[in-house]
Amino acid sequence: MLERVAMDDAAQTVGADKGFMTDYLRQSAEAMADFAQDEASQAVMLDMGARIVTALENGGRLLIAGNGGSAADAQHIAGEFTARLMYDRRPLSAVALTTDTSGITAIGNDYGFADIFSRQVMALGREGDVFLGITTSGRSPNILRAFEAAREIGLVTAAFTGHAGVQGVHCDVTLAVPANWTPVIQQLHITAAHIVCGLVERALCPRPVGV
């Protein structure tokens, strides 16, 4: 009897897990399909790519920051620029502000967590550079302060966020992906990052014909 109960419980667990996976994949696929048809998002990505191209052509750089999973995305994106994405080409200048643990902990300890990116922007950014802040909620205090600092010193401000947009701060260009759930927002962000990086490398480092 106990064995039969255990088997029934296991079957219910498997069924629930399959339901979870099916629902997750459905939401993921629907969001990606919406994103693929979203002409406004495509226009934003073209604009963002063009602004980064202008900055890099003028000797500037791309600064990127985010929290948690978005911190990992910042590092991922920077790596695509400094290494390669679609094909071999020269490195492109991009820095993730999420990697300097000494700087982050010093700023966090002396000034507070809300300033860990804004002080790095002020230290490393130069007029004409681009700061890309990633915030799935649109409300991350340290990203919002970094936007403010970037605007004060003349950086172009670009945002990756969710459907609600960035709250309380103006950005020059904002990609608000068509999703409200953090895991799906992050999925769309990395897709958008690959597109933007691809646009930049196509513009600055055209692939040789026949390669």
C-alpha atoms as a PDB file:
ATOM      1  CA  MET A   1       0.000   0.000   0.000  1.00  0.00           C
ATOM      2  CA  LEU A   2       2.769   2.419   0.976  1.00  0.00           C
ATOM      3  CA  GLU A   3       4.626   1.528  -2.230  1.00  0.00           C
ATOM      4  CA  ARG A   4       1.506   2.322  -4.298  1.00  0.00           C
ATOM      5  CA  VAL A   5       1.101   5.701  -2.544  1.00  0.00           C
ATOM      6  CA  ALA A   6       4.753   6.511  -3.195  1.00  0.00           C
ATOM      7  CA  MET A   7       4.320   5.623  -6.878  1.00  0.00           C
ATOM      8  CA  ASP A   8       1.210   7.818  -7.130  1.00  0.00           C
ATOM      9  CA  ASP A   9       3.046  10.721  -5.483  1.00  0.00           C
ATOM     10  CA  ALA A  10       5.972  10.309  -7.864  1.00  0.00           C
ATOM     11  CA  ALA A  11       3.625  10.270 -10.851  1.00  0.00           C
ATOM     12  CA  GLN A  12       1.933  13.461  -9.629  1.00  0.00           C
ATOM     13  CA  THR A  13       5.348  15.101  -9.200  1.00  0.00           C
ATOM     14  CA  VAL A  14       6.402  14.132 -12.723  1.00  0.00           C
ATOM     15  CA  GLY A  15       3.108  15.428 -14.069  1.00  0.00           C
ATOM     16  CA  ALA A  16       3.514  18.729 -12.247  1.00  0.00           C
ATOM     17  CA  ASP A  17       7.108  19.066 -13.474  1.00  0.00           C
ATOM     18  CA  LYS A  18       6.037  18.433 -17.059  1.00  0.00           C
ATOM     19  CA  GLY A  19       3.305  21.024 -16.658  1.00  0.00           C
ATOM     20  CA  PHE A  20       5.852  23.529 -15.347  1.00  0.00           C
ATOM     21  CA  MET A  21       8.203  22.878 -18.267  1.00  0.00           C
ATOM     22  CA  THR A  22       5.415  23.091 -20.831  1.00  0.00           C
ATOM     23  CA  ASP A  23       4.166  26.380 -19.396  1.00  0.00           C
ATOM     24  CA  TYR A  24       7.676  27.842 -19.215  1.00  0.00           C
ATOM     25  CA  LEU A  25       8.449  26.892 -22.820  1.00  0.00           C
ATOM     26  CA  ARG A  26       5.087  28.233 -23.961  1.00  0.00           C
ATOM     27  CA  GLN A  27       5.705  31.610 -22.335  1.00  0.00           C
ATOM     28  CA  SER A  28       9.233  31.677 -23.703  1.00  0.00           C
ATOM     29  CA  ALA A  29       8.146  30.860 -27.236  1.00  0.00           C
ATOM     30  CA  GLU A  30       5.256  33.347 -27.168  1.00  0.00           C
ATOM     31  CA  ALA A  31       7.536  36.141 -25.938  1.00  0.00           C
ATOM     32  CA  MET A  32      10.134  35.372 -28.597  1.00  0.00           C
ATOM     33  CA  ALA A  33       7.450  35.316 -31.288  1.00  0.00           C
ATOM     34  CA  ASP A  34       6.137  38.693 -30.087  1.00  0.00           C
ATOM     35  CA  PHE A  35       9.684  40.060 -30.034  1.00  0.00           C
ATOM     36  CA  ALA A  36      10.340  38.843 -33.582  1.00  0.00           C
ATOM     37  CA  GLN A  37       7.276  40.771 -34.803  1.00  0.00           C
ATOM     38  CA  ASP A  38       7.910  43.908 -32.720  1.00  0.00           C
ATOM     39  CA  GLU A  39       8.973  46.567 -35.212  1.00  0.00           C
ATOM     40  CA  ALA A  40       9.449  49.143 -32.441  1.00  0.00           C
ATOM     41  CA  SER A  41      12.003  46.886 -30.739  1.00  0.00           C
ATOM     42  CA  GLN A  42      13.785  46.351 -34.036  1.00  0.00           C
ATOM     43  CA  ALA A  43      14.007  50.108 -34.550  1.00  0.00           C
ATOM     44  CA  VAL A  44      15.439  50.517 -31.048  1.00  0.00           C
ATOM     45  CA  MET A  45      18.095  47.858 -31.655  1.00  0.00           C
ATOM     46  CA  LEU A  46      19.111  49.548 -34.903  1.00  0.00           C
ATOM     47  CA  ASP A  47      19.335  52.883 -33.086  1.00  0.00           C
ATOM     48  CA  MET A  48      21.318  51.371 -30.220  1.00  0.00           C
ATOM     49  CA  GLY A  49      23.720  49.694 -32.607  1.00  0.00           C
ATOM     50  CA  ALA A  50      24.242  52.937 -34.525  1.00  0.00           C
ATOM     51  CA  ARG A  51      24.990  54.866 -31.322  1.00  0.00           C
ATOM     52  CA  ILE A  52      27.555  52.279 -30.236  1.00  0.00           C
ATOM     53  CA  VAL A  53      29.137  52.373 -33.693  1.00  0.00           C
ATOM     54  CA  THR A  54      29.476  56.160 -33.447  1.00  0.00           C
ATOM     55  CA  ALA A  55      31.087  55.907 -30.009  1.00  0.00           C
ATOM     56  CA  LEU A  56      33.578  53.255 -31.075  1.00  0.00           C
ATOM     57  CA  GLU A  57      34.421  55.054 -34.337  1.00  0.00           C
ATOM     58  CA  ASN A  58      35.339  58.113 -32.257  1.00  0.00           C
ATOM     59  CA  GLY A  59      37.637  56.166 -29.957  1.00  0.00           C
ATOM     60  CA  GLY A  60      35.065  55.662 -27.206  1.00  0.00           C
ATOM     61  CA  ARG A  61      33.819  52.554 -25.472  1.00  0.00           C
ATOM     62  CA  LEU A  62      30.745  50.694 -24.312  1.00  0.00           C
ATOM     63  CA  LEU A  63      30.231  50.373 -20.543  1.00  0.00           C
ATOM     64  CA  ILE A  64      27.731  47.757 -19.344  1.00  0.00           C
ATOM     65  CA  ALA A  65      26.212  46.946 -15.939  1.00  0.00           C
ATOM     66  CA  GLY A  66      23.444  44.879 -14.389  1.00  0.00           C
ATOM     67  CA  ASN A  67      22.580  42.962 -11.217  1.00  0.00           C
ATOM     68  CA  GLY A  68      22.416  39.224 -10.623  1.00  0.00           C
ATOM     69  CA  GLY A  69      21.696  37.408 -13.856  1.00  0.00           C
ATOM     70  CA  SER A  70      21.942  40.736 -15.643  1.00  0.00           C
ATOM     71  CA  ALA A  71      25.461  41.153 -14.238  1.00  0.00           C
ATOM     72  CA  ALA A  72      26.360  37.900 -15.955  1.00  0.00           C
ATOM     73  CA  ASP A  73      24.689  39.218 -19.113  1.00  0.00           C
ATOM     74  CA  ALA A  74      26.815  42.382 -18.895  1.00  0.00           C
ATOM     75  CA  GLN A  75      29.959  40.256 -18.843  1.00  0.00           C
ATOM     76  CA  HIS A  76      28.613  38.059 -21.640  1.00  0.00           C
ATOM     77  CA  ILE A  77      27.918  41.086 -23.836  1.00  0.00           C
ATOM     78  CA  ALA A  78      31.313  42.670 -23.161  1.00  0.00           C
ATOM     79  CA  GLY A  79      32.958  39.385 -24.097  1.00  0.00           C
ATOM     80  CA  GLU A  80      31.145  39.315 -27.438  1.00  0.00           C
ATOM     81  CA  PHE A  81      32.560  42.754 -28.253  1.00  0.00           C
ATOM     82  CA  THR A  82      36.138  42.202 -27.113  1.00  0.00           C
ATOM     83  CA  ALA A  83      36.392  38.686 -28.573  1.00  0.00           C
ATOM     84  CA  ARG A  84      34.088  37.928 -31.525  1.00  0.00           C
ATOM     85  CA  LEU A  85      30.477  37.056 -32.241  1.00  0.00           C
ATOM     86  CA  MET A  86      29.607  36.050 -35.800  1.00  0.00           C
ATOM     87  CA  TYR A  87      33.105  35.906 -37.315  1.00  0.00           C
ATOM     88  CA  ASP A  88      36.750  36.771 -36.711  1.00  0.00           C
ATOM     89  CA  ARG A  89      37.477  40.504 -36.549  1.00  0.00           C
ATOM     90  CA  ARG A  90      39.340  43.089 -34.488  1.00  0.00           C
ATOM     91  CA  PRO A  91      38.359  43.525 -30.835  1.00  0.00           C
ATOM     92  CA  LEU A  92      35.804  46.216 -29.993  1.00  0.00           C
ATOM     93  CA  SER A  93      36.042  48.248 -26.807  1.00  0.00           C
ATOM     94  CA  ALA A  94      33.539  47.179 -24.143  1.00  0.00           C
ATOM     95  CA  VAL A  95      33.839  46.936 -20.362  1.00  0.00           C
ATOM     96  CA  ALA A  96      31.522  45.179 -17.904  1.00  0.00           C
ATOM     97  CA  LEU A  97      31.324  47.156 -14.648  1.00  0.00           C
ATOM     98  CA  THR A  98      30.392  43.984 -12.754  1.00  0.00           C
ATOM     99  CA  THR A  99      33.821  42.311 -12.654  1.00  0.00           C
ATOM    100  CA  ASP A 100      36.077  44.464 -10.443  1.00  0.00           C
ATOM    101  CA  THR A 101      35.344  42.969  -7.032  1.00  0.00           C
ATOM    102  CA  SER A 102      37.792  45.254  -5.212  1.00  0.00           C
ATOM    103  CA  GLY A 103      36.242  48.368  -6.725  1.00  0.00           C
ATOM    104  CA  ILE A 104      32.673  47.151  -6.215  1.00  0.00           C
ATOM    105  CA  THR A 105      33.227  46.203  -2.575  1.00  0.00           C
ATOM    106  CA  ALA A 106      35.172  49.390  -1.807  1.00  0.00           C
ATOM    107  CA  ILE A 107      32.430  51.577  -3.284  1.00  0.00           C
ATOM    108  CA  GLY A 108      29.711  49.480  -1.644  1.00  0.00           C
ATOM    109  CA  ASN A 109      31.430  49.702   1.735  1.00  0.00           C
ATOM    110  CA  ASP A 110      32.299  53.403   1.611  1.00  0.00           C
ATOM    111  CA  TYR A 111      29.328  54.821  -0.280  1.00  0.00           C
ATOM    112  CA  GLY A 112      26.616  52.150  -0.530  1.00  0.00           C
ATOM    113  CA  PHE A 113      25.420  49.509  -2.976  1.00  0.00           C
ATOM    114  CA  ALA A 114      23.420  52.065  -4.941  1.00  0.00           C
ATOM    115  CA  ASP A 115      26.664  53.737  -6.072  1.00  0.00           C
ATOM    116  CA  ILE A 116      28.666  50.695  -7.220  1.00  0.00           C
ATOM    117  CA  PHE A 117      28.103  51.472 -10.900  1.00  0.00           C
ATOM    118  CA  SER A 118      27.683  55.254 -10.908  1.00  0.00           C
ATOM    119  CA  ARG A 119      31.164  55.846  -9.485  1.00  0.00           C
ATOM    120  CA  GLN A 120      32.675  53.486 -12.030  1.00  0.00           C
ATOM    121  CA  VAL A 121      30.847  55.340 -14.801  1.00  0.00           C
ATOM    122  CA  MET A 122      32.266  58.631 -13.518  1.00  0.00           C
ATOM    123  CA  ALA A 123      35.760  57.162 -13.281  1.00  0.00           C
ATOM    124  CA  LEU A 124      35.867  55.336 -16.616  1.00  0.00           C
ATOM    125  CA  GLY A 125      33.326  57.059 -18.836  1.00  0.00           C
ATOM    126  CA  ARG A 126      34.114  59.861 -21.231  1.00  0.00           C
ATOM    127  CA  GLU A 127      31.804  62.124 -23.201  1.00  0.00           C
ATOM    128  CA  GLY A 128      30.492  60.245 -26.206  1.00  0.00           C
ATOM    129  CA  ASP A 129      30.836  56.782 -24.671  1.00  0.00           C
ATOM    130  CA  VAL A 130      27.759  54.571 -24.306  1.00  0.00           C
ATOM    131  CA  PHE A 131      26.507  53.214 -20.990  1.00  0.00           C
ATOM    132  CA  LEU A 132      24.183  50.206 -21.281  1.00  0.00           C
ATOM    133  CA  GLY A 133      22.277  49.522 -18.077  1.00  0.00           C
ATOM    134  CA  ILE A 134      20.360  46.254 -17.747  1.00  0.00           C
ATOM    135  CA  THR A 135      17.442  46.165 -15.300  1.00  0.00           C
ATOM    136  CA  THR A 136      14.620  43.672 -15.731  1.00  0.00           C
ATOM    137  CA  SER A 137      12.404  45.585 -13.288  1.00  0.00           C
ATOM    138  CA  GLY A 138      13.325  49.040 -14.577  1.00  0.00           C
ATOM    139  CA  ARG A 139      13.783  50.119 -10.945  1.00  0.00           C
ATOM    140  CA  SER A 140      17.259  48.943  -9.863  1.00  0.00           C
ATOM    141  CA  PRO A 141      18.649  51.885  -7.824  1.00  0.00           C
ATOM    142  CA  ASN A 142      22.276  51.324  -8.777  1.00  0.00           C
ATOM    143  CA  ILE A 143      21.420  51.200 -12.487  1.00  0.00           C
ATOM    144  CA  LEU A 144      19.236  54.318 -12.233  1.00  0.00           C
ATOM    145  CA  ARG A 145      22.052  56.214 -10.493  1.00  0.00           C
ATOM    146  CA  ALA A 146      24.476  55.042 -13.143  1.00  0.00           C
ATOM    147  CA  PHE A 147      22.153  56.437 -15.828  1.00  0.00           C
ATOM    148  CA  GLU A 148      22.102  59.770 -14.004  1.00  0.00           C
ATOM    149  CA  ALA A 149      25.888  59.848 -13.679  1.00  0.00           C
ATOM    150  CA  ALA A 150      26.320  58.906 -17.334  1.00  0.00           C
ATOM    151  CA  ARG A 151      24.048  61.714 -18.486  1.00  0.00           C
ATOM    152  CA  GLU A 152      25.855  64.232 -16.277  1.00  0.00           C
ATOM    153  CA  ILE A 153      29.186  63.576 -17.992  1.00  0.00           C
ATOM    154  CA  GLY A 154      27.849  63.275 -21.528  1.00  0.00           C
ATOM    155  CA  LEU A 155      27.526  59.554 -22.148  1.00  0.00           C
ATOM    156  CA  VAL A 156      24.802  58.100 -24.325  1.00  0.00           C
ATOM    157  CA  THR A 157      22.453  56.151 -22.051  1.00  0.00           C
ATOM    158  CA  ALA A 158      20.968  52.887 -23.296  1.00  0.00           C
ATOM    159  CA  ALA A 159      18.711  50.516 -21.369  1.00  0.00           C
ATOM    160  CA  PHE A 160      17.621  46.906 -21.576  1.00  0.00           C
ATOM    161  CA  THR A 161      14.507  46.392 -19.467  1.00  0.00           C
ATOM    162  CA  GLY A 162      11.113  44.692 -19.318  1.00  0.00           C
ATOM    163  CA  HIS A 163       7.768  45.712 -20.750  1.00  0.00           C
ATOM    164  CA  ALA A 164       7.168  48.358 -18.038  1.00  0.00           C
ATOM    165  CA  GLY A 165      10.234  50.356 -19.093  1.00  0.00           C
ATOM    166  CA  VAL A 166      12.718  52.288 -16.967  1.00  0.00           C
ATOM    167  CA  GLN A 167      11.147  54.091 -14.010  1.00  0.00           C
ATOM    168  CA  GLY A 168      11.997  57.683 -13.085  1.00  0.00           C
ATOM    169  CA  VAL A 169      15.034  58.263 -15.313  1.00  0.00           C
ATOM    170  CA  HIS A 170      15.246  59.283 -18.961  1.00  0.00           C
ATOM    171  CA  CYS A 171      17.457  57.211 -21.263  1.00  0.00           C
ATOM    172  CA  ASP A 172      18.488  58.136 -24.784  1.00  0.00           C
ATOM    173  CA  VAL A 173      17.421  54.734 -26.085  1.00  0.00           C
ATOM    174  CA  THR A 174      15.428  52.055 -24.249  1.00  0.00           C
ATOM    175  CA  LEU A 175      14.697  48.512 -25.297  1.00  0.00           C
ATOM    176  CA  ALA A 176      11.639  47.460 -23.287  1.00  0.00           C
ATOM    177  CA  VAL A 177      11.156  43.851 -24.369  1.00  0.00           C
ATOM    178  CA  PRO A 178       7.610  42.422 -24.579  1.00  0.00           C
ATOM    179  CA  ALA A 179       7.719  40.367 -21.373  1.00  0.00           C
ATOM    180  CA  ASN A 180       7.011  40.866 -17.670  1.00  0.00           C
ATOM    181  CA  TRP A 181       8.566  37.719 -16.185  1.00  0.00           C
ATOM    182  CA  THR A 182      12.253  38.037 -15.252  1.00  0.00           C
ATOM    183  CA  PRO A 183      13.498  34.727 -16.749  1.00  0.00           C
ATOM    184  CA  VAL A 184      11.861  35.504 -20.083  1.00  0.00           C
ATOM    185  CA  ILE A 185      12.995  39.137 -20.013  1.00  0.00           C
ATOM    186  CA  GLN A 186      16.569  37.929 -19.555  1.00  0.00           C
ATOM    187  CA  GLN A 187      16.184  35.505 -22.447  1.00  0.00           C
ATOM    188  CA  LEU A 188      15.096  38.343 -24.736  1.00  0.00           C
ATOM    189  CA  HIS A 189      17.865  40.602 -23.441  1.00  0.00           C
ATOM    190  CA  ILE A 190      20.636  38.243 -24.462  1.00  0.00           C
ATOM    191  CA  THR A 191      18.997  37.746 -27.860  1.00  0.00           C
ATOM    192  CA  ALA A 192      18.850  41.520 -28.288  1.00  0.00           C
ATOM    193  CA  ALA A 193      22.469  41.846 -27.163  1.00  0.00           C
ATOM    194  CA  HIS A 194      23.574  39.377 -29.825  1.00  0.00           C
ATOM    195  CA  ILE A 195      21.647  41.335 -32.456  1.00  0.00           C
ATOM    196  CA  VAL A 196      23.093  44.689 -31.376  1.00  0.00           C
ATOM    197  CA  CYS A 197      26.632  43.314 -31.226  1.00  0.00           C
ATOM    198  CA  GLY A 198      26.122  41.717 -34.632  1.00  0.00           C
ATOM    199  CA  LEU A 199      24.979  45.041 -36.077  1.00  0.00           C
ATOM    200  CA  VAL A 200      28.028  46.799 -34.635  1.00  0.00           C
ATOM    201  CA  GLU A 201      30.553  44.290 -35.922  1.00  0.00           C
ATOM    202  CA  ARG A 202      28.916  44.296 -39.367  1.00  0.00           C
ATOM    203  CA  ALA A 203      29.262  48.090 -39.478  1.00  0.00           C
ATOM    204  CA  LEU A 204      32.779  48.410 -38.082  1.00  0.00           C
ATOM    205  CA  CYS A 205      34.328  45.146 -39.269  1.00  0.00           C
ATOM    206  CA  PRO A 206      32.620  44.048 -42.492  1.00  0.00           C
ATOM    207  CA  ARG A 207      33.099  40.378 -43.188  1.00  0.00           C
ATOM    208  CA  PRO A 208      35.440  39.828 -46.148  1.00  0.00           C
ATOM    209  CA  VAL A 209      33.671  38.624 -49.260  1.00  0.00           C
ATOM    210  CA  GLY A 210      33.918  34.869 -49.621  1.00  0.00           C
ATOM    211  CA  VAL A 211      34.807  34.255 -45.935  1.00  0.00           C
END
